[in-house]
């Protein structure tokens, strides 16, 4: 057979057809007519494809060894045309020969051969094969193209050309393998460790470049900027990533940033790269990027603060790109990890750039999550701050813990900026009670943060930013404040949580460590509350609080003289009463408040907000005569007369001074009331002639009436000592009584439906009874939790 091959007439037809495509003069290029014959033959007899490819490969190898460039070009052009024309099942064997020829070209040091091999591989990557090849591997091409991306040729023109071909080759590998599950797994670590750094290195070579019109398919690919092409390849890679392999591509990206010191604040390459990744990746997988950045931050806690701050800066920029999907399902876990870094900052040097970055990141992360998750996050942070402050008081370790609590409060303020209060009832007990405790027991600076946070949570109409110190009714009107009445969902808040705020407001006003900023903030808290819930009861209650606070300031002046505390209290309460009068829309009330303000302008300017609550004004207090004192203080009887005859106002409340429960452990009045209701025990007797007897032993079930229920519900609550004594008595009874007696007491005779209802009402641990006006003939309202 080998002897017959020496004679052209006796050679196989496929060899004769292959030989005929080579012209006598190689410079003339491929013989087109003969190439058409070869293509037709290959399409008609696909079983010959592998032999055609093998023969072309042997000729190419021989021509390369002899350094004959044009025959090599002809062979590759013929292979490209055959590859595009033939799509039979036997194409796999032909492809093996083709890839072998491409690999041979890429191993050459000749830049022209590198170009030729890259062009052929890129054309091959665009072909969709009918059948997959399970044994084909691209390890060589990944390694070779990656090394070309890092070319260090001395000639800059040749170096850029080789780097460009390396990027094009990697893009071809990505297109050929990343979407075909039956191909080699390109997401394996050994491949990603070469592809990702090579693409990032090519982008890094010209970080300011971007894709232009030159990158369009119709333009000359040799003119495309290799950094722009690398960006396109990186986008294509991440756009096809699934949840299972996103991390495989991100790990080498993070390592590349570390190895080349690309996290620096002056280097924007890390931001550029992760923006490319975040814009390319599917939105449902974007939270993996955030998680891995936080993981990387956890692993580099010992790095410089500037580097860690730069990581957070990258996080802040990429998180808003895909909206709320960036955080993922475990929102609290993300914020918990931020809080751990805050704890480390509190233990180390204060006021670092990393601290500021953590606080900013908290606000950015909160901005992309729904409001209900913002409330959950705030609940987590404020409980953490409350716990830290409580522990610091018990263990006398104030410095570190107070720094940590301060950082948590700063983060809370950032979260609150992104939260819009659509419904005040969303302010749950789990968030409100610890917030009030922090706002009462912390240092003045931290109290100020907690006060502003509370005002933000109560601000339904965005009035907080409009509020300013006011000294006249026309100044209030100029603020153009927006009011809203209590909605149908705010009833629960009004009845159960508002008393806690009242107690806190009174207690906070009376703290002598308050600064000017604290008094201004307290005024805004009270004003925002009244503006968000325009209610007659709220107006009356807050007015009573202001009058009670004024009494504290007056007593302070009598005992200690005129101080900044007393002046601040009186100035802040005057601002609040101006707002209350404006909200009430009662001219007489407004006139009386303005009358007192005018008297202060004349006799006691130290009580005016512009003097007492302005840190830039150093106003010396004037002595106040006894005859002028009545003119400059607000009088409850005058407010009583101003509101008299106005429907809806229970002015009788003004005759009773406000009394607050300042024990922060039992700050919630609804919680205290529920405990008091629980203390009303019901004792059963086994005697069938006896009915259910209340603890006073005066009323049986047969005689239960409406009047009796009123007495039970509004019976004065037991004190803490009485409740503890009652519990101790019950515990002693259980220890000493015989078992048969206890069993009989726990198994009373069946009772009628009325007795069962009363028993259920009185035993329900979640029962809450609304304040009831005994003078009216309305039924009491009972609200369950």
Foldseek 3Di string as FASTA:
>chain_A
DVVLVVDVVSNDPLVNLVVVQQDPDLVVAGDVVSLVVNLVVCQVPVVCLLVNLQVLLVVLVVCVVVVNPSSNLRSLVSLLVSLVSDQDPSVVSSVVSNVVSLLVLLVDPDLVSLVSSLVSLLSVLVDDHPDDDQPDDCVSLLVSLLVLLVDDDPPPLSSQQSNLSSLSSLLSVCSNPLQDPSYPDCLDLVSLLRLLLSLLSLCVVPVPDADDPCPDPVHDSSPGRSNNSSLVSLLSNQLSDDLVRPVSNVVSVVVSCVVVVQLAPVHCSLLSNVLSNLVRHDLLNLLVVVVVLLVVLVVPVVDDLRSSLSSLVSVLVSQPPSFLSNNPDPNLVSVVSLLVSLLVQLVDDHDDSNLVSSLSSLLSNLLRHDQLVLLVNLLVLLVQLLVLVVVCVVVVVCRSSVSSSQSSLSSLLSNLVNHAAQALLSCDPSNPLSLLVQLQPDAQVSVLSSLVSLLSSLQNPPLLVLDDQDLALVVVVVSVAAADAHDPSCPVCVFFPVLLVLQSLLSQLLDPNHDLSSLQSSLSSLLSNCRHHVALVSLVSVLLSLQLSLVSLVVCCVPPNDDLSSLSSLQSSLRNQSSSCVSVVQVQSNVLSSQLSVLCVVAWVSNHCVASNDPVHDDDTDDHDPVSVVSNHDDLVSNLVSCPPPPRHPSVVSVPHDDHDNPSVPSGPQLVLLVQLQLFDWWADQDPVAAIATPVRDDHLVPDDLVVVVCSSPPDGDDPVVSVVVVVVVVVCVVPPDPVVVVSRVDHDDDDPSVVVVNCQSNPSQKGWGDDDPVDPDRTDIDGD
